[in-house]
Amino acid sequence: MDLIQKYFPDLSNEQISRFMALYDLYIDWNSKINVISRKDIGNLYEHHVLHSLAIAKFTTIKPGSKVMDLGTGGGFPGIPLAILWPEVNFHLVDSIGKKLKVAQEIATAIGLQNVTFVHERAEEEKGEFDFVVSRAVMPLNDLVKIVRKNISGKQQNAIPNGIICLKGGDLQVEIAPFKSRCIVESLDNYFKEEFFKTKKVLYCAL
């Protein structure tokens, strides 16, 4: 938890208590439904919570905006971002019901009011959003095809509406078809821990 406060020193008491509650909740739920690798659960704050919050280092999303977290699994990056931005509306989507149940139960336990959940494939989602966020769900080309229909034409944020995803490795081939519309930033620009050396945030305007 100290790691979160190191990079986000202006959290309210409510935000701190919600972030602190995540550890025991994920430990408990992960023992029943495996949403995080058992070897990795001890790194929850660094590898999952802080990793999710990298999106908030890349850009700020205005209150009233709508964000879809596609392939949220156990709630990443949606739940950490929903804690950080309580006035942004998050819609968490996953095709695996039991993983979505974990995210839903954790959001309820910490009293998050700005999240909704739906068990469906991304192709079935009809809503419109300012941004679609994800963590390494699929190649950018596939993601663009699926969610283009979900990106709102109404602009209200500092960057144009589009996709913001967290990925690793060399993305040059992946972004080539969209190069003029993409920004890639290394997460070690934001966070100094070794884990983030190969991690990136990829933004694509749609």
N, C-alpha and C. Protein backbone atom coordinates (compact mmCIF):
# COMPACT_ATOMS: atom_id res chain seq x y z
N MET A 1 0.83 -1.21 0.00
CA MET A 1 0.00 0.00 0.00
C MET A 1 0.86 1.26 0.00
N ASP A 2 2.04 1.18 0.65
CA ASP A 2 2.96 2.34 0.66
C ASP A 2 3.33 2.73 -0.76
N LEU A 3 3.41 1.73 -1.63
CA LEU A 3 3.76 1.97 -3.02
C LEU A 3 2.72 2.86 -3.71
N ILE A 4 1.46 2.62 -3.42
CA ILE A 4 0.39 3.43 -4.03
C ILE A 4 0.51 4.87 -3.54
N GLN A 5 0.72 5.05 -2.24
CA GLN A 5 0.82 6.40 -1.68
C GLN A 5 2.09 7.13 -2.13
N LYS A 6 3.12 6.35 -2.43
CA LYS A 6 4.37 6.94 -2.93
C LYS A 6 4.12 7.67 -4.25
N TYR A 7 3.34 7.05 -5.14
CA TYR A 7 3.11 7.63 -6.46
C TYR A 7 1.82 8.45 -6.54
N PHE A 8 0.94 8.25 -5.58
CA PHE A 8 -0.32 9.01 -5.55
C PHE A 8 -0.49 9.58 -4.13
N PRO A 9 0.27 10.63 -3.82
CA PRO A 9 0.31 11.13 -2.44
C PRO A 9 -0.93 11.91 -2.01
N ASP A 10 -1.81 12.25 -2.95
CA ASP A 10 -2.95 13.11 -2.61
C ASP A 10 -4.26 12.37 -2.42
N LEU A 11 -4.20 11.10 -2.12
CA LEU A 11 -5.42 10.30 -1.94
C LEU A 11 -6.19 10.76 -0.70
N SER A 12 -7.52 10.69 -0.79
CA SER A 12 -8.35 10.99 0.38
C SER A 12 -8.31 9.79 1.34
N ASN A 13 -8.79 10.01 2.56
CA ASN A 13 -8.84 8.91 3.54
C ASN A 13 -9.70 7.76 3.03
N GLU A 14 -10.80 8.10 2.35
CA GLU A 14 -11.69 7.07 1.82
C GLU A 14 -10.97 6.25 0.73
N GLN A 15 -10.24 6.93 -0.14
CA GLN A 15 -9.50 6.21 -1.18
C GLN A 15 -8.44 5.31 -0.55
N ILE A 16 -7.73 5.81 0.43
CA ILE A 16 -6.70 5.00 1.11
C ILE A 16 -7.33 3.76 1.73
N SER A 17 -8.46 3.93 2.41
CA SER A 17 -9.07 2.77 3.08
C SER A 17 -9.56 1.75 2.04
N ARG A 18 -10.05 2.24 0.90
CA ARG A 18 -10.50 1.31 -0.15
C ARG A 18 -9.32 0.55 -0.76
N PHE A 19 -8.24 1.26 -1.04
CA PHE A 19 -7.05 0.57 -1.57
C PHE A 19 -6.50 -0.43 -0.55
N MET A 20 -6.50 -0.05 0.71
CA MET A 20 -5.98 -0.95 1.75
C MET A 20 -6.83 -2.22 1.87
N ALA A 21 -8.15 -2.07 1.67
CA ALA A 21 -9.06 -3.22 1.81
C ALA A 21 -8.86 -4.25 0.69
N LEU A 22 -8.28 -3.84 -0.42
CA LEU A 22 -8.17 -4.74 -1.57
C LEU A 22 -7.36 -5.99 -1.27
N TYR A 23 -6.30 -5.85 -0.47
CA TYR A 23 -5.39 -6.98 -0.28
C TYR A 23 -6.11 -8.19 0.33
N ASP A 24 -6.77 -7.97 1.48
CA ASP A 24 -7.44 -9.08 2.15
C ASP A 24 -8.58 -9.63 1.29
N LEU A 25 -9.29 -8.74 0.60
CA LEU A 25 -10.40 -9.18 -0.25
C LEU A 25 -9.91 -10.07 -1.40
N TYR A 26 -8.84 -9.64 -2.06
CA TYR A 26 -8.32 -10.45 -3.17
C TYR A 26 -7.70 -11.76 -2.69
N ILE A 27 -7.02 -11.72 -1.55
CA ILE A 27 -6.47 -12.96 -0.97
C ILE A 27 -7.61 -13.96 -0.72
N ASP A 28 -8.68 -13.46 -0.12
CA ASP A 28 -9.82 -14.33 0.21
C ASP A 28 -10.48 -14.89 -1.05
N TRP A 29 -10.81 -14.01 -1.98
CA TRP A 29 -11.51 -14.45 -3.20
C TRP A 29 -10.60 -15.32 -4.07
N ASN A 30 -9.33 -15.00 -4.09
CA ASN A 30 -8.41 -15.76 -4.95
C ASN A 30 -8.24 -17.21 -4.46
N SER A 31 -8.49 -17.42 -3.18
CA SER A 31 -8.41 -18.78 -2.66
C SER A 31 -9.59 -19.63 -3.14
N LYS A 32 -10.68 -18.95 -3.57
CA LYS A 32 -11.88 -19.66 -4.05
C LYS A 32 -11.94 -19.70 -5.58
N ILE A 33 -11.63 -18.55 -6.19
CA ILE A 33 -11.69 -18.42 -7.65
C ILE A 33 -10.38 -17.79 -8.10
N ASN A 34 -9.62 -18.49 -8.90
CA ASN A 34 -8.28 -18.04 -9.24
C ASN A 34 -8.31 -16.92 -10.29
N VAL A 35 -8.22 -15.67 -9.83
CA VAL A 35 -8.20 -14.54 -10.77
C VAL A 35 -6.80 -13.93 -10.92
N ILE A 36 -5.94 -14.21 -9.95
CA ILE A 36 -4.55 -13.77 -10.00
C ILE A 36 -3.69 -15.00 -9.73
N SER A 37 -2.60 -15.14 -10.46
CA SER A 37 -1.71 -16.28 -10.24
C SER A 37 -1.36 -16.38 -8.75
N ARG A 38 -1.45 -17.61 -8.21
CA ARG A 38 -1.16 -17.80 -6.77
C ARG A 38 0.25 -17.32 -6.42
N LYS A 39 1.17 -17.46 -7.37
CA LYS A 39 2.55 -17.02 -7.12
C LYS A 39 2.65 -15.49 -7.07
N ASP A 40 1.68 -14.83 -7.65
CA ASP A 40 1.77 -13.38 -7.85
C ASP A 40 0.90 -12.58 -6.88
N ILE A 41 0.04 -13.26 -6.13
CA ILE A 41 -0.92 -12.53 -5.29
C ILE A 41 -0.22 -11.65 -4.25
N GLY A 42 0.97 -12.06 -3.82
CA GLY A 42 1.73 -11.24 -2.86
C GLY A 42 2.19 -9.92 -3.45
N ASN A 43 2.22 -9.85 -4.78
CA ASN A 43 2.61 -8.61 -5.47
C ASN A 43 1.40 -7.81 -5.93
N LEU A 44 0.27 -8.00 -5.26
CA LEU A 44 -0.99 -7.38 -5.70
C LEU A 44 -0.84 -5.88 -5.96
N TYR A 45 -0.25 -5.16 -5.02
CA TYR A 45 -0.19 -3.69 -5.17
C TYR A 45 0.72 -3.25 -6.31
N GLU A 46 1.87 -3.90 -6.45
CA GLU A 46 2.79 -3.48 -7.51
C GLU A 46 2.34 -3.98 -8.89
N HIS A 47 2.05 -5.26 -9.01
CA HIS A 47 1.82 -5.88 -10.32
C HIS A 47 0.40 -5.68 -10.85
N HIS A 48 -0.53 -5.33 -9.97
CA HIS A 48 -1.93 -5.24 -10.41
C HIS A 48 -2.55 -3.87 -10.13
N VAL A 49 -2.46 -3.41 -8.89
CA VAL A 49 -3.09 -2.11 -8.56
C VAL A 49 -2.29 -0.96 -9.18
N LEU A 50 -1.01 -0.88 -8.88
CA LEU A 50 -0.20 0.22 -9.42
C LEU A 50 -0.12 0.14 -10.95
N HIS A 51 0.00 -1.08 -11.47
CA HIS A 51 0.01 -1.26 -12.92
C HIS A 51 -1.26 -0.67 -13.54
N SER A 52 -2.40 -0.94 -12.94
CA SER A 52 -3.67 -0.38 -13.43
C SER A 52 -3.65 1.14 -13.40
N LEU A 53 -3.08 1.69 -12.34
CA LEU A 53 -3.08 3.15 -12.14
C LEU A 53 -2.12 3.88 -13.07
N ALA A 54 -1.31 3.13 -13.82
CA ALA A 54 -0.44 3.77 -14.82
C ALA A 54 -1.26 4.59 -15.81
N ILE A 55 -2.49 4.16 -16.07
CA ILE A 55 -3.37 4.90 -16.98
C ILE A 55 -3.60 6.32 -16.45
N ALA A 56 -3.64 6.45 -15.13
CA ALA A 56 -3.86 7.78 -14.53
C ALA A 56 -2.60 8.64 -14.57
N LYS A 57 -1.45 8.04 -14.76
CA LYS A 57 -0.22 8.82 -14.97
C LYS A 57 -0.15 9.30 -16.42
N PHE A 58 -0.74 8.53 -17.32
CA PHE A 58 -0.73 8.89 -18.74
C PHE A 58 -1.69 10.04 -19.03
N THR A 59 -2.89 9.99 -18.44
CA THR A 59 -3.88 11.05 -18.68
C THR A 59 -4.84 11.13 -17.51
N THR A 60 -5.58 12.23 -17.43
CA THR A 60 -6.64 12.36 -16.44
C THR A 60 -7.97 12.30 -17.18
N ILE A 61 -8.92 11.57 -16.62
CA ILE A 61 -10.24 11.47 -17.23
C ILE A 61 -11.22 12.30 -16.40
N LYS A 62 -11.97 13.15 -17.09
CA LYS A 62 -12.84 14.12 -16.41
C LYS A 62 -14.03 13.46 -15.73
N PRO A 63 -14.50 14.07 -14.63
CA PRO A 63 -15.74 13.61 -14.00
C PRO A 63 -16.88 13.57 -15.01
N GLY A 64 -17.73 12.55 -14.89
CA GLY A 64 -18.85 12.40 -15.81
C GLY A 64 -18.53 11.59 -17.05
N SER A 65 -17.26 11.32 -17.29
CA SER A 65 -16.86 10.48 -18.43
C SER A 65 -17.28 9.03 -18.20
N LYS A 66 -17.40 8.30 -19.29
CA LYS A 66 -17.75 6.87 -19.22
C LYS A 66 -16.61 6.04 -19.79
N VAL A 67 -16.23 5.02 -19.04
CA VAL A 67 -15.10 4.17 -19.42
C VAL A 67 -15.52 2.71 -19.36
N MET A 68 -15.24 1.97 -20.43
CA MET A 68 -15.46 0.52 -20.41
C MET A 68 -14.13 -0.18 -20.17
N ASP A 69 -14.11 -1.08 -19.20
CA ASP A 69 -12.94 -1.94 -18.94
C ASP A 69 -13.25 -3.29 -19.57
N LEU A 70 -12.59 -3.56 -20.68
CA LEU A 70 -12.88 -4.75 -21.47
C LEU A 70 -11.98 -5.91 -21.06
N GLY A 71 -12.59 -7.05 -20.73
CA GLY A 71 -11.82 -8.20 -20.25
C GLY A 71 -11.24 -7.92 -18.88
N THR A 72 -12.09 -7.40 -17.99
CA THR A 72 -11.62 -6.92 -16.68
C THR A 72 -11.09 -8.03 -15.78
N GLY A 73 -11.49 -9.29 -16.03
CA GLY A 73 -11.05 -10.38 -15.15
C GLY A 73 -11.53 -10.13 -13.73
N GLY A 74 -10.59 -10.07 -12.81
CA GLY A 74 -10.94 -9.81 -11.41
C GLY A 74 -11.08 -8.32 -11.08
N GLY A 75 -11.09 -7.47 -12.11
CA GLY A 75 -11.34 -6.04 -11.85
C GLY A 75 -10.19 -5.11 -12.17
N PHE A 76 -9.30 -5.52 -13.06
CA PHE A 76 -8.14 -4.68 -13.42
C PHE A 76 -8.17 -4.34 -14.90
N PRO A 77 -7.98 -3.07 -15.24
CA PRO A 77 -7.63 -1.93 -14.38
C PRO A 77 -8.83 -1.20 -13.76
N GLY A 78 -10.06 -1.69 -14.00
CA GLY A 78 -11.25 -0.91 -13.65
C GLY A 78 -11.40 -0.53 -12.20
N ILE A 79 -11.21 -1.48 -11.27
CA ILE A 79 -11.47 -1.18 -9.86
C ILE A 79 -10.47 -0.17 -9.30
N PRO A 80 -9.14 -0.34 -9.50
CA PRO A 80 -8.24 0.71 -9.01
C PRO A 80 -8.54 2.09 -9.61
N LEU A 81 -8.88 2.14 -10.89
CA LEU A 81 -9.19 3.44 -11.52
C LEU A 81 -10.49 4.02 -10.97
N ALA A 82 -11.46 3.16 -10.68
CA ALA A 82 -12.73 3.63 -10.11
C ALA A 82 -12.54 4.19 -8.70
N ILE A 83 -11.59 3.62 -7.95
CA ILE A 83 -11.27 4.17 -6.63
C ILE A 83 -10.62 5.55 -6.79
N LEU A 84 -9.71 5.64 -7.74
CA LEU A 84 -8.97 6.88 -7.95
C LEU A 84 -9.86 8.00 -8.49
N TRP A 85 -10.78 7.64 -9.38
CA TRP A 85 -11.67 8.63 -10.04
C TRP A 85 -13.13 8.33 -9.70
N PRO A 86 -13.58 8.70 -8.50
CA PRO A 86 -14.94 8.32 -8.06
C PRO A 86 -16.06 8.98 -8.86
N GLU A 87 -15.74 10.02 -9.65
CA GLU A 87 -16.78 10.69 -10.42
C GLU A 87 -16.78 10.29 -11.90
N VAL A 88 -15.96 9.29 -12.24
CA VAL A 88 -15.97 8.72 -13.58
C VAL A 88 -16.76 7.41 -13.51
N ASN A 89 -17.57 7.14 -14.53
CA ASN A 89 -18.41 5.94 -14.55
C ASN A 89 -17.69 4.81 -15.28
N PHE A 90 -17.50 3.69 -14.58
CA PHE A 90 -16.79 2.53 -15.14
C PHE A 90 -17.76 1.37 -15.38
N HIS A 91 -17.62 0.76 -16.55
CA HIS A 91 -18.46 -0.37 -16.95
C HIS A 91 -17.52 -1.54 -17.21
N LEU A 92 -17.55 -2.54 -16.32
CA LEU A 92 -16.60 -3.64 -16.37
C LEU A 92 -17.22 -4.84 -17.08
N VAL A 93 -16.55 -5.29 -18.13
CA VAL A 93 -17.08 -6.34 -19.01
C VAL A 93 -16.13 -7.53 -19.04
N ASP A 94 -16.69 -8.73 -18.90
CA ASP A 94 -15.88 -9.93 -19.07
C ASP A 94 -16.78 -11.08 -19.51
N SER A 95 -16.21 -11.96 -20.32
CA SER A 95 -16.98 -13.10 -20.81
C SER A 95 -16.93 -14.29 -19.84
N ILE A 96 -16.10 -14.18 -18.80
CA ILE A 96 -15.98 -15.27 -17.81
C ILE A 96 -16.69 -14.84 -16.54
N GLY A 97 -17.85 -15.46 -16.30
CA GLY A 97 -18.73 -15.02 -15.22
C GLY A 97 -18.13 -15.09 -13.84
N LYS A 98 -17.36 -16.16 -13.56
CA LYS A 98 -16.86 -16.31 -12.19
C LYS A 98 -15.81 -15.24 -11.85
N LYS A 99 -15.03 -14.83 -12.86
CA LYS A 99 -14.05 -13.76 -12.61
C LYS A 99 -14.77 -12.44 -12.37
N LEU A 100 -15.81 -12.19 -13.15
CA LEU A 100 -16.59 -10.96 -13.00
C LEU A 100 -17.25 -10.91 -11.62
N LYS A 101 -17.67 -12.06 -11.14
CA LYS A 101 -18.28 -12.13 -9.80
C LYS A 101 -17.31 -11.65 -8.73
N VAL A 102 -16.03 -12.02 -8.86
CA VAL A 102 -15.02 -11.57 -7.90
C VAL A 102 -14.93 -10.03 -7.92
N ALA A 103 -14.83 -9.47 -9.13
CA ALA A 103 -14.75 -8.01 -9.25
C ALA A 103 -15.97 -7.35 -8.64
N GLN A 104 -17.13 -7.91 -8.91
CA GLN A 104 -18.39 -7.34 -8.41
C GLN A 104 -18.45 -7.39 -6.88
N GLU A 105 -18.07 -8.52 -6.32
CA GLU A 105 -18.10 -8.68 -4.86
C GLU A 105 -17.11 -7.73 -4.18
N ILE A 106 -15.95 -7.56 -4.79
CA ILE A 106 -14.95 -6.66 -4.20
C ILE A 106 -15.41 -5.21 -4.28
N ALA A 107 -15.98 -4.82 -5.41
CA ALA A 107 -16.49 -3.45 -5.56
C ALA A 107 -17.59 -3.17 -4.53
N THR A 108 -18.46 -4.16 -4.31
CA THR A 108 -19.53 -4.01 -3.32
C THR A 108 -18.95 -3.89 -1.92
N ALA A 109 -17.96 -4.74 -1.62
CA ALA A 109 -17.37 -4.75 -0.28
C ALA A 109 -16.72 -3.42 0.09
N ILE A 110 -16.15 -2.73 -0.90
CA ILE A 110 -15.47 -1.44 -0.58
C ILE A 110 -16.39 -0.24 -0.86
N GLY A 111 -17.63 -0.51 -1.26
CA GLY A 111 -18.61 0.56 -1.41
C GLY A 111 -18.45 1.42 -2.66
N LEU A 112 -17.92 0.85 -3.72
CA LEU A 112 -17.80 1.62 -4.97
C LEU A 112 -19.18 1.85 -5.58
N GLN A 113 -19.49 3.11 -5.87
CA GLN A 113 -20.80 3.45 -6.44
C GLN A 113 -20.73 3.74 -7.94
N ASN A 114 -19.53 3.81 -8.49
CA ASN A 114 -19.35 4.29 -9.87
C ASN A 114 -18.95 3.17 -10.83
N VAL A 115 -19.38 1.93 -10.51
CA VAL A 115 -19.05 0.80 -11.38
C VAL A 115 -20.30 -0.02 -11.68
N THR A 116 -20.39 -0.50 -12.92
CA THR A 116 -21.41 -1.47 -13.31
C THR A 116 -20.69 -2.66 -13.92
N PHE A 117 -21.37 -3.80 -13.97
CA PHE A 117 -20.75 -5.03 -14.44
C PHE A 117 -21.67 -5.73 -15.43
N VAL A 118 -21.08 -6.33 -16.44
CA VAL A 118 -21.89 -7.15 -17.34
C VAL A 118 -21.08 -8.35 -17.84
N HIS A 119 -21.74 -9.50 -17.78
CA HIS A 119 -21.12 -10.75 -18.23
C HIS A 119 -21.51 -10.94 -19.70
N GLU A 120 -20.58 -10.63 -20.59
CA GLU A 120 -20.86 -10.73 -22.02
C GLU A 120 -19.55 -10.68 -22.80
N ARG A 121 -19.64 -11.02 -24.07
CA ARG A 121 -18.51 -10.80 -24.97
C ARG A 121 -18.53 -9.35 -25.42
N ALA A 122 -17.35 -8.82 -25.72
CA ALA A 122 -17.25 -7.40 -26.10
C ALA A 122 -18.11 -7.07 -27.32
N GLU A 123 -18.23 -8.06 -28.23
CA GLU A 123 -19.01 -7.83 -29.45
C GLU A 123 -20.47 -7.52 -29.14
N GLU A 124 -20.94 -7.96 -27.96
CA GLU A 124 -22.36 -7.80 -27.60
C GLU A 124 -22.65 -6.45 -26.94
N GLU A 125 -21.61 -5.77 -26.49
CA GLU A 125 -21.81 -4.51 -25.76
C GLU A 125 -22.26 -3.40 -26.71
N LYS A 126 -23.36 -2.72 -26.35
CA LYS A 126 -23.94 -1.69 -27.23
C LYS A 126 -23.65 -0.26 -26.75
N GLY A 127 -23.18 -0.12 -25.51
CA GLY A 127 -23.01 1.22 -24.94
C GLY A 127 -21.92 2.04 -25.62
N GLU A 128 -21.98 3.37 -25.39
CA GLU A 128 -20.95 4.27 -25.91
C GLU A 128 -20.14 4.84 -24.76
N PHE A 129 -18.84 4.97 -24.99
CA PHE A 129 -17.92 5.36 -23.92
C PHE A 129 -16.88 6.35 -24.46
N ASP A 130 -16.34 7.15 -23.53
CA ASP A 130 -15.24 8.04 -23.91
C ASP A 130 -13.98 7.23 -24.17
N PHE A 131 -13.75 6.26 -23.32
CA PHE A 131 -12.54 5.43 -23.45
C PHE A 131 -12.85 3.96 -23.19
N VAL A 132 -12.11 3.11 -23.86
CA VAL A 132 -12.08 1.68 -23.52
C VAL A 132 -10.69 1.39 -22.98
N VAL A 133 -10.63 0.82 -21.78
CA VAL A 133 -9.34 0.46 -21.19
C VAL A 133 -9.24 -1.06 -21.10
N SER A 134 -8.01 -1.58 -21.12
CA SER A 134 -7.82 -3.02 -20.98
C SER A 134 -6.39 -3.32 -20.58
N ARG A 135 -6.20 -4.53 -20.08
CA ARG A 135 -4.85 -5.01 -19.74
C ARG A 135 -4.54 -6.21 -20.60
N ALA A 136 -3.79 -5.99 -21.70
CA ALA A 136 -3.28 -7.08 -22.54
C ALA A 136 -4.34 -8.10 -22.91
N VAL A 137 -5.52 -7.61 -23.31
CA VAL A 137 -6.62 -8.51 -23.62
C VAL A 137 -6.44 -9.16 -24.99
N MET A 138 -6.05 -8.36 -25.99
CA MET A 138 -5.93 -8.87 -27.35
C MET A 138 -5.09 -7.89 -28.17
N PRO A 139 -4.63 -8.29 -29.35
CA PRO A 139 -3.88 -7.37 -30.20
C PRO A 139 -4.71 -6.13 -30.56
N LEU A 140 -4.03 -5.00 -30.74
CA LEU A 140 -4.71 -3.73 -30.98
C LEU A 140 -5.66 -3.80 -32.17
N ASN A 141 -5.23 -4.45 -33.25
CA ASN A 141 -6.05 -4.53 -34.45
C ASN A 141 -7.42 -5.16 -34.15
N ASP A 142 -7.41 -6.25 -33.38
CA ASP A 142 -8.66 -6.93 -33.01
C ASP A 142 -9.49 -6.06 -32.08
N LEU A 143 -8.81 -5.42 -31.16
CA LEU A 143 -9.50 -4.57 -30.19
C LEU A 143 -10.21 -3.40 -30.89
N VAL A 144 -9.52 -2.78 -31.83
CA VAL A 144 -10.11 -1.65 -32.58
C VAL A 144 -11.36 -2.11 -33.32
N LYS A 145 -11.29 -3.26 -33.98
CA LYS A 145 -12.45 -3.77 -34.73
C LYS A 145 -13.66 -3.95 -33.83
N ILE A 146 -13.43 -4.47 -32.63
CA ILE A 146 -14.53 -4.81 -31.73
C ILE A 146 -15.13 -3.57 -31.07
N VAL A 147 -14.29 -2.62 -30.66
CA VAL A 147 -14.80 -1.52 -29.82
C VAL A 147 -15.02 -0.20 -30.56
N ARG A 148 -14.68 -0.14 -31.82
CA ARG A 148 -14.88 1.11 -32.55
C ARG A 148 -16.34 1.59 -32.42
N LYS A 149 -17.28 0.64 -32.44
CA LYS A 149 -18.70 0.95 -32.34
C LYS A 149 -19.06 1.56 -30.98
N ASN A 150 -18.22 1.33 -29.97
CA ASN A 150 -18.51 1.76 -28.60
C ASN A 150 -17.91 3.11 -28.23
N ILE A 151 -17.13 3.71 -29.14
CA ILE A 151 -16.48 4.98 -28.81
C ILE A 151 -17.40 6.14 -29.15
N SER A 152 -17.71 6.93 -28.15
CA SER A 152 -18.63 8.06 -28.32
C SER A 152 -18.04 9.13 -29.23
N GLY A 153 -18.90 9.77 -29.99
CA GLY A 153 -18.46 10.87 -30.85
C GLY A 153 -18.36 12.19 -30.10
N LYS A 154 -18.85 12.23 -28.86
CA LYS A 154 -18.82 13.46 -28.06
C LYS A 154 -17.51 13.54 -27.28
N GLN A 155 -16.76 14.59 -27.51
CA GLN A 155 -15.44 14.74 -26.88
C GLN A 155 -15.52 15.64 -25.66
N GLN A 156 -14.92 15.21 -24.55
CA GLN A 156 -14.92 16.07 -23.35
C GLN A 156 -13.61 16.01 -22.56
N ASN A 157 -12.65 15.22 -23.06
CA ASN A 157 -11.40 15.07 -22.32
C ASN A 157 -10.24 15.72 -23.05
N ALA A 158 -9.10 15.77 -22.40
CA ALA A 158 -7.92 16.45 -22.96
C ALA A 158 -7.38 15.74 -24.19
N ILE A 159 -7.58 14.43 -24.26
CA ILE A 159 -7.16 13.67 -25.45
C ILE A 159 -8.42 13.12 -26.12
N PRO A 160 -8.38 12.90 -27.44
CA PRO A 160 -9.56 12.37 -28.13
C PRO A 160 -9.97 11.00 -27.58
N ASN A 161 -11.26 10.71 -27.68
CA ASN A 161 -11.77 9.42 -27.24
C ASN A 161 -11.06 8.27 -27.95
N GLY A 162 -10.93 7.15 -27.27
CA GLY A 162 -10.25 6.01 -27.89
C GLY A 162 -9.94 4.91 -26.90
N ILE A 163 -8.89 4.17 -27.20
CA ILE A 163 -8.48 3.00 -26.42
C ILE A 163 -7.23 3.34 -25.62
N ILE A 164 -7.20 2.93 -24.35
CA ILE A 164 -5.97 3.04 -23.55
C ILE A 164 -5.72 1.65 -22.97
N CYS A 165 -4.64 1.00 -23.40
CA CYS A 165 -4.40 -0.34 -22.87
C CYS A 165 -2.98 -0.49 -22.34
N LEU A 166 -2.86 -1.44 -21.43
CA LEU A 166 -1.59 -1.74 -20.78
C LEU A 166 -1.02 -3.00 -21.41
N LYS A 167 0.20 -2.90 -21.92
CA LYS A 167 0.80 -4.02 -22.64
C LYS A 167 2.28 -4.12 -22.29
N GLY A 168 2.91 -5.20 -22.77
CA GLY A 168 4.34 -5.37 -22.57
C GLY A 168 5.05 -5.62 -23.89
N GLY A 169 6.37 -5.51 -23.86
CA GLY A 169 7.18 -5.87 -25.02
C GLY A 169 7.20 -4.82 -26.13
N ASP A 170 7.65 -5.25 -27.29
CA ASP A 170 7.80 -4.36 -28.45
C ASP A 170 6.47 -4.28 -29.19
N LEU A 171 5.93 -3.07 -29.30
CA LEU A 171 4.61 -2.89 -29.90
C LEU A 171 4.65 -2.30 -31.30
N GLN A 172 5.83 -2.17 -31.87
CA GLN A 172 5.96 -1.46 -33.16
C GLN A 172 5.13 -2.11 -34.27
N VAL A 173 5.18 -3.43 -34.38
CA VAL A 173 4.41 -4.11 -35.43
C VAL A 173 2.92 -3.95 -35.16
N GLU A 174 2.54 -4.09 -33.90
CA GLU A 174 1.12 -4.02 -33.52
C GLU A 174 0.50 -2.66 -33.83
N ILE A 175 1.27 -1.60 -33.59
CA ILE A 175 0.69 -0.26 -33.79
C ILE A 175 0.87 0.26 -35.21
N ALA A 176 1.64 -0.43 -36.05
CA ALA A 176 1.97 0.07 -37.39
C ALA A 176 0.76 0.54 -38.19
N PRO A 177 -0.36 -0.21 -38.22
CA PRO A 177 -1.50 0.23 -39.02
C PRO A 177 -2.17 1.50 -38.49
N PHE A 178 -1.89 1.84 -37.22
CA PHE A 178 -2.57 2.98 -36.57
C PHE A 178 -1.58 4.05 -36.14
N LYS A 179 -0.36 3.98 -36.67
CA LYS A 179 0.76 4.74 -36.11
C LYS A 179 0.44 6.21 -35.85
N SER A 180 -0.21 6.86 -36.81
CA SER A 180 -0.45 8.31 -36.67
C SER A 180 -1.42 8.61 -35.53
N ARG A 181 -2.16 7.59 -35.09
CA ARG A 181 -3.17 7.82 -34.04
C ARG A 181 -2.74 7.27 -32.68
N CYS A 182 -1.53 6.71 -32.60
CA CYS A 182 -1.10 6.03 -31.38
C CYS A 182 -0.01 6.78 -30.63
N ILE A 183 -0.05 6.63 -29.33
CA ILE A 183 1.04 7.07 -28.46
C ILE A 183 1.40 5.87 -27.59
N VAL A 184 2.69 5.57 -27.49
CA VAL A 184 3.16 4.50 -26.60
C VAL A 184 4.14 5.13 -25.61
N GLU A 185 3.90 4.89 -24.32
CA GLU A 185 4.83 5.39 -23.29
C GLU A 185 5.26 4.24 -22.40
N SER A 186 6.53 4.22 -22.05
CA SER A 186 7.06 3.20 -21.14
C SER A 186 6.67 3.53 -19.70
N LEU A 187 6.24 2.51 -18.97
CA LEU A 187 5.80 2.76 -17.60
C LEU A 187 6.96 3.09 -16.67
N ASP A 188 8.20 2.79 -17.10
CA ASP A 188 9.31 3.20 -16.22
C ASP A 188 9.55 4.71 -16.28
N ASN A 189 8.81 5.40 -17.13
CA ASN A 189 8.78 6.87 -17.04
C ASN A 189 8.02 7.34 -15.81
N TYR A 190 7.12 6.48 -15.33
CA TYR A 190 6.27 6.84 -14.18
C TYR A 190 6.72 6.15 -12.90
N PHE A 191 7.08 4.87 -13.01
CA PHE A 191 7.36 4.04 -11.84
C PHE A 191 8.76 3.45 -11.96
N LYS A 192 9.50 3.46 -10.86
CA LYS A 192 10.92 3.07 -10.91
C LYS A 192 11.17 1.59 -10.59
N GLU A 193 10.14 0.85 -10.20
CA GLU A 193 10.33 -0.56 -9.85
C GLU A 193 10.68 -1.38 -11.10
N GLU A 194 11.49 -2.43 -10.91
CA GLU A 194 11.98 -3.27 -12.00
C GLU A 194 10.85 -3.84 -12.86
N PHE A 195 9.75 -4.19 -12.21
CA PHE A 195 8.60 -4.80 -12.89
C PHE A 195 8.13 -3.98 -14.10
N PHE A 196 8.28 -2.66 -14.01
CA PHE A 196 7.72 -1.78 -15.04
C PHE A 196 8.66 -1.51 -16.22
N LYS A 197 9.87 -2.08 -16.17
CA LYS A 197 10.86 -1.81 -17.22
C LYS A 197 10.36 -2.14 -18.62
N THR A 198 9.62 -3.25 -18.75
CA THR A 198 9.17 -3.68 -20.09
C THR A 198 7.69 -3.38 -20.34
N LYS A 199 7.05 -2.72 -19.38
CA LYS A 199 5.62 -2.47 -19.49
C LYS A 199 5.34 -1.12 -20.15
N LYS A 200 4.23 -1.06 -20.89
CA LYS A 200 3.90 0.17 -21.62
C LYS A 200 2.41 0.48 -21.53
N VAL A 201 2.10 1.76 -21.73
CA VAL A 201 0.71 2.17 -21.94
C VAL A 201 0.58 2.55 -23.41
N LEU A 202 -0.44 2.03 -24.05
CA LEU A 202 -0.69 2.28 -25.48
C LEU A 202 -2.02 3.00 -25.61
N TYR A 203 -1.99 4.18 -26.22
CA TYR A 203 -3.22 4.95 -26.47
C TYR A 203 -3.44 5.03 -27.97
N CYS A 204 -4.67 4.81 -28.38
CA CYS A 204 -5.02 4.92 -29.79
C CYS A 204 -6.32 5.71 -29.92
N ALA A 205 -6.25 6.86 -30.59
CA ALA A 205 -7.45 7.68 -30.82
C ALA A 205 -8.34 7.00 -31.86
N LEU A 206 -9.65 7.02 -31.60
CA LEU A 206 -10.59 6.40 -32.57
C LEU A 206 -11.65 7.41 -32.98
